[in-house]
Protein backbone atom coordinates (compact mmCIF):
# COMPACT_ATOMS: atom_id res chain seq x y z
CA MET A 1 7.21 20.35 10.79
CA SER A 2 4.96 19.99 7.76
CA HIS A 3 1.79 19.49 7.28
CA VAL A 4 1.12 18.25 3.72
CA PRO A 5 0.19 14.72 3.45
CA HIS A 6 3.10 11.95 2.05
CA GLU A 7 1.33 10.61 0.12
CA LEU A 8 3.21 7.39 -2.03
CA VAL A 9 3.87 9.02 -4.71
CA ASP A 10 5.31 11.76 -3.31
CA GLU A 11 7.40 9.62 -1.45
CA PHE A 12 8.38 7.04 -4.03
CA PRO A 13 7.78 9.50 -7.11
CA ASP A 14 10.31 7.56 -9.21
CA HIS A 15 7.92 4.68 -8.47
CA ALA A 16 4.67 6.28 -9.65
CA GLU A 17 3.38 3.74 -12.50
CA ARG A 18 5.03 0.62 -10.58
CA ILE A 19 2.52 1.84 -7.27
CA HIS A 20 -0.54 2.36 -9.60
CA ALA A 21 0.55 -1.43 -11.51
CA LEU A 22 0.70 -3.05 -8.00
CA LYS A 23 -2.05 -1.20 -6.59
CA MET A 24 -4.07 -2.70 -9.28
CA ALA A 25 -2.22 -6.49 -9.26
CA ASP A 26 -1.55 -7.16 -6.47
CA ARG A 27 -4.26 -7.36 -3.29
CA ARG A 28 -1.33 -6.91 -0.85
CA PHE A 29 0.01 -4.29 -2.12
CA ALA A 30 -2.99 -2.74 -2.97
CA ARG A 31 -4.07 -3.00 1.27
CA LEU A 32 -0.67 -1.98 2.41
CA ALA A 33 -1.08 1.48 -0.20
CA GLU A 34 -4.53 1.86 1.68
CA ASP A 35 -3.48 1.50 5.16
CA TYR A 36 -0.92 3.73 4.01
CA ARG A 37 -3.24 6.64 2.92
CA GLU A 38 -5.40 5.77 5.78
CA VAL A 39 -3.20 6.27 8.56
CA ASN A 40 -1.05 9.32 6.54
CA ARG A 41 -4.76 10.72 6.83
CA ALA A 42 -4.88 10.51 10.62
CA ILE A 43 -1.30 11.91 11.23
CA HIS A 44 -2.38 14.90 9.14
CA ARG A 45 -5.77 15.83 10.48
CA LEU A 46 -3.76 15.46 14.09
CA GLU A 47 -0.54 17.52 12.65
CA THR A 48 -3.09 20.49 11.34
CA ARG A 49 -5.15 20.16 14.85
CA ILE A 50 -8.16 19.07 13.25
CA GLU A 51 -8.53 15.96 16.10
CA PRO A 52 -6.86 16.36 18.61
CA SER A 53 -5.09 13.63 20.29
CA SER A 54 -2.49 12.61 22.98
CA GLU A 55 1.45 12.62 21.50
CA GLU A 56 1.74 8.88 22.48
CA ARG A 57 -0.86 8.47 19.78
CA GLU A 58 0.99 10.66 17.63
CA ALA A 59 3.62 9.43 18.23
CA GLU A 60 2.16 5.37 17.71
CA LEU A 61 0.58 6.70 13.95
CA ARG A 62 4.18 8.02 12.88
CA ARG A 63 5.92 4.80 14.17
CA ARG A 64 3.09 2.65 11.70
CA ARG A 65 3.32 4.78 8.90
CA LEU A 66 6.92 4.54 8.67
CA ALA A 67 6.55 0.89 9.01
CA LEU A 68 4.41 0.67 5.81
CA LYS A 69 6.61 2.39 4.10
CA ASP A 70 9.12 0.13 4.90
CA GLU A 71 7.05 -2.57 3.70
CA ILE A 72 5.74 -0.70 0.74
CA ALA A 73 9.72 0.77 -0.11
CA HIS A 74 10.29 -3.20 -0.05
CA ALA A 75 7.97 -4.39 -2.24
CA LEU A 76 8.33 -1.82 -4.73
CA GLN A 77 12.28 -3.33 -4.74
CA VAL A 78 11.25 -6.57 -5.35
CA SER A 79 8.80 -5.49 -8.32
CA ALA A 80 11.89 -3.03 -9.96
CA ALA A 81 14.18 -6.48 -9.16
CA GLN A 82 11.66 -9.06 -10.84
CA ALA A 83 10.75 -6.60 -13.66
CA ARG A 84 14.00 -6.70 -14.84
CA ALA A 85 14.57 -10.41 -14.50
């Protein structure tokens, strides 16, 4: 298990500029990115044992992070397709 936070630009390195642009232009995307950041930080605190938690809570947070990452990936794909059109 890695104790390194999974930042969006690390997860989607080829989309760093698009992530920034979408955060500035799209409220929904900005909220997704902020939610991802909050959940990601919570997981990092649990992994480093800064905050104690149950295994169930950690698993719940990981599922939430994955769902947010999927939504963000979809938004990035749609944005890229629109830019190509």
